[in-house]
C-alpha atoms as a PDB file:
ATOM      1  CA  UNK A   1      47.992  -5.605  14.834  1.00  0.00           C
ATOM      2  CA  UNK A   2      46.091  -5.459  11.616  1.00  0.00           C
ATOM      3  CA  UNK A   3      44.388  -8.569  12.991  1.00  0.00           C
ATOM      4  CA  UNK A   4      43.342  -6.853  16.636  1.00  0.00           C
ATOM      5  CA  UNK A   5      41.694  -3.894  13.781  1.00  0.00           C
ATOM      6  CA  UNK A   6      40.209  -6.753  11.120  1.00  0.00           C
ATOM      7  CA  UNK A   7      38.123  -7.720  13.532  1.00  0.00           C
ATOM      8  CA  UNK A   8      36.562  -4.525  15.181  1.00  0.00           C
ATOM      9  CA  UNK A   9      35.913  -3.010  12.197  1.00  0.00           C
ATOM     10  CA  UNK A  10      33.526  -6.504  11.043  1.00  0.00           C
ATOM     11  CA  UNK A  11      31.841  -6.409  14.742  1.00  0.00           C
ATOM     12  CA  UNK A  12      30.856  -2.461  13.937  1.00  0.00           C
ATOM     13  CA  UNK A  13      29.531  -3.455  10.021  1.00  0.00           C
ATOM     14  CA  UNK A  14      27.271  -5.808  10.956  1.00  0.00           C
ATOM     15  CA  UNK A  15      25.877  -4.487  13.762  1.00  0.00           C
ATOM     16  CA  UNK A  16      24.878  -1.410  11.355  1.00  0.00           C
ATOM     17  CA  UNK A  17      24.203  -3.999   8.555  1.00  0.00           C
ATOM     18  CA  UNK A  18      20.874  -5.340  11.085  1.00  0.00           C
ATOM     19  CA  UNK A  19      20.336  -1.791  11.451  1.00  0.00           C
ATOM     20  CA  UNK A  20      18.191  -1.984   8.805  1.00  0.00           C
ATOM     21  CA  UNK A  21      14.933  -1.253   8.137  1.00  0.00           C
ATOM     22  CA  UNK A  22      12.493  -4.173   9.124  1.00  0.00           C
ATOM     23  CA  UNK A  23       8.904  -2.772   8.985  1.00  0.00           C
ATOM     24  CA  UNK A  24       6.616  -2.012   6.201  1.00  0.00           C
ATOM     25  CA  UNK A  25       3.795  -3.106   4.484  1.00  0.00           C
ATOM     26  CA  UNK A  26       2.557  -6.332   2.890  1.00  0.00           C
ATOM     27  CA  UNK A  27      -0.265  -7.872   1.463  1.00  0.00           C
ATOM     28  CA  UNK A  28      -2.456  -8.019  -2.122  1.00  0.00           C
ATOM     29  CA  UNK A  29      -4.569  -6.213  -4.253  1.00  0.00           C
ATOM     30  CA  UNK A  30      -8.020  -8.189  -5.722  1.00  0.00           C
ATOM     31  CA  UNK A  31     -10.588  -7.075  -8.846  1.00  0.00           C
ATOM     32  CA  UNK A  32     -14.067  -6.378  -7.860  1.00  0.00           C
ATOM     33  CA  UNK A  33     -16.604  -6.549 -10.166  1.00  0.00           C
ATOM     34  CA  UNK A  34     -20.390  -7.160 -11.008  1.00  0.00           C
ATOM     35  CA  UNK A  35     -23.008  -7.479  -9.261  1.00  0.00           C
ATOM     36  CA  UNK A  36     -22.102  -8.293  -5.505  1.00  0.00           C
ATOM     37  CA  UNK A  37     -25.698  -8.098  -4.177  1.00  0.00           C
ATOM     38  CA  UNK A  38     -26.924 -10.868  -2.199  1.00  0.00           C
ATOM     39  CA  UNK A  39     -29.756 -12.803  -4.125  1.00  0.00           C
ATOM     40  CA  UNK A  40     -30.798 -16.841  -4.868  1.00  0.00           C
ATOM     41  CA  UNK A  41     -27.544 -16.862  -7.486  1.00  0.00           C
ATOM     42  CA  UNK A  42     -24.237 -17.790  -5.858  1.00  0.00           C
ATOM     43  CA  UNK A  43     -22.012 -17.605  -8.371  1.00  0.00           C
ATOM     44  CA  UNK A  44     -21.558 -14.240  -7.728  1.00  0.00           C
ATOM     45  CA  UNK A  45     -17.982 -13.003  -9.752  1.00  0.00           C
ATOM     46  CA  UNK A  46     -15.273 -13.959  -8.004  1.00  0.00           C
ATOM     47  CA  UNK A  47     -12.532 -11.781  -6.777  1.00  0.00           C
ATOM     48  CA  UNK A  48      -9.406 -12.225  -8.514  1.00  0.00           C
ATOM     49  CA  UNK A  49      -5.432 -10.995  -7.196  1.00  0.00           C
ATOM     50  CA  UNK A  50      -4.193  -8.040  -9.267  1.00  0.00           C
ATOM     51  CA  UNK A  51      -1.331  -6.818 -10.437  1.00  0.00           C
ATOM     52  CA  UNK A  52      -1.201  -3.162 -10.386  1.00  0.00           C
ATOM     53  CA  UNK A  53       1.157  -0.389  -9.013  1.00  0.00           C
ATOM     54  CA  UNK A  54       0.414   1.271  -5.242  1.00  0.00           C
ATOM     55  CA  UNK A  55       1.575   4.808  -5.244  1.00  0.00           C
ATOM     56  CA  UNK A  56       2.202   5.058  -1.205  1.00  0.00           C
ATOM     57  CA  UNK A  57       2.077   8.821   0.289  1.00  0.00           C
ATOM     58  CA  UNK A  58       2.494  10.499   3.592  1.00  0.00           C
ATOM     59  CA  UNK A  59      -1.305  10.935   5.382  1.00  0.00           C
ATOM     60  CA  UNK A  60      -3.642  12.107   2.688  1.00  0.00           C
ATOM     61  CA  UNK A  61      -6.284  13.706   3.717  1.00  0.00           C
ATOM     62  CA  UNK A  62      -9.685  13.880   0.983  1.00  0.00           C
ATOM     63  CA  UNK A  63      -8.912  18.640   1.057  1.00  0.00           C
ATOM     64  CA  UNK A  64      -4.763  17.169  -0.047  1.00  0.00           C
ATOM     65  CA  UNK A  65      -6.566  16.147  -3.198  1.00  0.00           C
ATOM     66  CA  UNK A  66      -8.331  16.543  -6.916  1.00  0.00           C
ATOM     67  CA  UNK A  67     -10.984  13.950  -6.778  1.00  0.00           C
ATOM     68  CA  UNK A  68     -12.093  13.431 -10.861  1.00  0.00           C
ATOM     69  CA  UNK A  69     -16.371  12.787 -11.177  1.00  0.00           C
ATOM     70  CA  UNK A  70     -15.613   8.985 -12.004  1.00  0.00           C
ATOM     71  CA  UNK A  71     -14.132   8.885  -8.329  1.00  0.00           C
ATOM     72  CA  UNK A  72     -10.564   9.192  -8.927  1.00  0.00           C
ATOM     73  CA  UNK A  73      -7.807  10.707  -7.955  1.00  0.00           C
ATOM     74  CA  UNK A  74      -4.908  13.006  -8.517  1.00  0.00           C
ATOM     75  CA  UNK A  75      -2.899  16.485  -7.771  1.00  0.00           C
ATOM     76  CA  UNK A  76      -2.038  14.837  -4.955  1.00  0.00           C
ATOM     77  CA  UNK A  77       0.076  17.347  -2.200  1.00  0.00           C
ATOM     78  CA  UNK A  78       1.734  15.297   0.236  1.00  0.00           C
ATOM     79  CA  UNK A  79       4.703  13.430  -0.164  1.00  0.00           C
ATOM     80  CA  UNK A  80       4.900  10.789  -2.708  1.00  0.00           C
ATOM     81  CA  UNK A  81       7.127   8.022  -0.740  1.00  0.00           C
ATOM     82  CA  UNK A  82       7.369   4.914  -2.505  1.00  0.00           C
ATOM     83  CA  UNK A  83       5.527   2.878  -5.515  1.00  0.00           C
ATOM     84  CA  UNK A  84       5.439  -0.836  -5.652  1.00  0.00           C
ATOM     85  CA  UNK A  85       4.612  -3.286  -8.274  1.00  0.00           C
ATOM     86  CA  UNK A  86       2.270  -5.985  -7.444  1.00  0.00           C
ATOM     87  CA  UNK A  87       3.339  -9.499  -8.715  1.00  0.00           C
ATOM     88  CA  UNK A  88       0.748 -11.746 -10.657  1.00  0.00           C
ATOM     89  CA  UNK A  89      -1.516 -12.928  -7.867  1.00  0.00           C
ATOM     90  CA  UNK A  90      -1.677  -9.566  -6.328  1.00  0.00           C
ATOM     91  CA  UNK A  91       0.668  -9.830  -3.569  1.00  0.00           C
ATOM     92  CA  UNK A  92       3.661  -6.906  -2.346  1.00  0.00           C
ATOM     93  CA  UNK A  93       5.322  -6.043   0.132  1.00  0.00           C
ATOM     94  CA  UNK A  94       7.505  -3.068   0.830  1.00  0.00           C
ATOM     95  CA  UNK A  95       9.273  -2.122   3.745  1.00  0.00           C
ATOM     96  CA  UNK A  96       9.349   1.636   5.120  1.00  0.00           C
ATOM     97  CA  UNK A  97      10.129   3.400   7.846  1.00  0.00           C
ATOM     98  CA  UNK A  98       7.446   3.651  11.267  1.00  0.00           C
ATOM     99  CA  UNK A  99       4.814   5.875  10.405  1.00  0.00           C
ATOM    100  CA  UNK A 100       1.343   7.240   9.084  1.00  0.00           C
ATOM    101  CA  UNK A 101       0.787   6.780   4.982  1.00  0.00           C
ATOM    102  CA  UNK A 102      -1.894   7.030   2.824  1.00  0.00           C
ATOM    103  CA  UNK A 103      -2.387   4.074  -0.325  1.00  0.00           C
ATOM    104  CA  UNK A 104      -3.510   4.080  -4.038  1.00  0.00           C
ATOM    105  CA  UNK A 105      -3.301   2.046  -6.563  1.00  0.00           C
ATOM    106  CA  UNK A 106      -1.918   3.373 -10.033  1.00  0.00           C
ATOM    107  CA  UNK A 107      -5.675   2.955 -13.293  1.00  0.00           C
ATOM    108  CA  UNK A 108      -6.216   4.429 -16.043  1.00  0.00           C
ATOM    109  CA  UNK A 109      -8.419   7.564 -14.747  1.00  0.00           C
ATOM    110  CA  UNK A 110      -5.846   7.774 -12.160  1.00  0.00           C
ATOM    111  CA  UNK A 111      -5.014   6.814  -8.531  1.00  0.00           C
ATOM    112  CA  UNK A 112      -7.753   5.102  -7.427  1.00  0.00           C
ATOM    113  CA  UNK A 113      -8.739   4.746  -3.624  1.00  0.00           C
ATOM    114  CA  UNK A 114     -11.883   3.573  -1.527  1.00  0.00           C
ATOM    115  CA  UNK A 115     -10.998   3.883   2.395  1.00  0.00           C
ATOM    116  CA  UNK A 116     -11.661   6.663   4.446  1.00  0.00           C
ATOM    117  CA  UNK A 117     -10.895   7.647   8.601  1.00  0.00           C
ATOM    118  CA  UNK A 118     -13.938   9.657  10.507  1.00  0.00           C
ATOM    119  CA  UNK A 119     -11.055  12.429   9.183  1.00  0.00           C
ATOM    120  CA  UNK A 120     -11.071  11.750   5.068  1.00  0.00           C
ATOM    121  CA  UNK A 121      -8.260  10.518   5.454  1.00  0.00           C
ATOM    122  CA  UNK A 122      -7.365   8.388   2.512  1.00  0.00           C
ATOM    123  CA  UNK A 123      -7.008   5.053   2.821  1.00  0.00           C
ATOM    124  CA  UNK A 124      -4.787   5.192   5.768  1.00  0.00           C
ATOM    125  CA  UNK A 125      -1.704   2.398   6.967  1.00  0.00           C
ATOM    126  CA  UNK A 126       0.043   3.423  10.180  1.00  0.00           C
ATOM    127  CA  UNK A 127       4.144   0.712  10.108  1.00  0.00           C
ATOM    128  CA  UNK A 128       5.088   0.484  13.372  1.00  0.00           C
ATOM    129  CA  UNK A 129       8.490  -0.551  14.454  1.00  0.00           C
ATOM    130  CA  UNK A 130       9.622  -3.990  13.793  1.00  0.00           C
ATOM    131  CA  UNK A 131       5.825  -4.876  12.043  1.00  0.00           C
ATOM    132  CA  UNK A 132       4.916  -5.459   9.164  1.00  0.00           C
ATOM    133  CA  UNK A 133       1.039  -4.068   8.585  1.00  0.00           C
ATOM    134  CA  UNK A 134      -1.236  -5.708   6.332  1.00  0.00           C
ATOM    135  CA  UNK A 135      -3.681  -4.469   3.770  1.00  0.00           C
ATOM    136  CA  UNK A 136      -5.924  -5.638   1.300  1.00  0.00           C
ATOM    137  CA  UNK A 137      -7.257  -3.836  -1.280  1.00  0.00           C
ATOM    138  CA  UNK A 138      -9.762  -4.278  -3.591  1.00  0.00           C
ATOM    139  CA  UNK A 139     -10.367  -2.302  -6.568  1.00  0.00           C
ATOM    140  CA  UNK A 140     -14.304  -2.510  -6.444  1.00  0.00           C
ATOM    141  CA  UNK A 141     -15.614   0.744  -8.925  1.00  0.00           C
ATOM    142  CA  UNK A 142     -16.464  -1.512 -11.087  1.00  0.00           C
ATOM    143  CA  UNK A 143     -19.095  -3.516  -9.114  1.00  0.00           C
ATOM    144  CA  UNK A 144     -21.947  -3.226  -7.746  1.00  0.00           C
ATOM    145  CA  UNK A 145     -23.240  -3.472  -4.109  1.00  0.00           C
END
């Protein structure tokens, strides 16, 4: 009798474990600095993958933060969803439930983001069911364009 009870329990547990999050964000963070203007000198500084801490918030607009004169964010009013560290080459992968998020890079002066949509949403990314959204982040506040 016990053998017949064990098999259904194993099947149920297997089914539950397969309902894990299979979506999120992945990508790479790059450092860009120096003169990025096109010109006769083709030896521009290259972009390098960097190790940083990423802060993932619920979708955030500029109005829901404080922005310093130097261009760094603080006092974010939306909910912090996750924090993840990139690898040495700047790559990262994080499981998240489907939804819309804003991604910030932690720097000494504050949180950095340099992309906005037409609604002033900061560095938005959409996670869809059973998909990983790819995001390339360029930390370029010391670059000239």
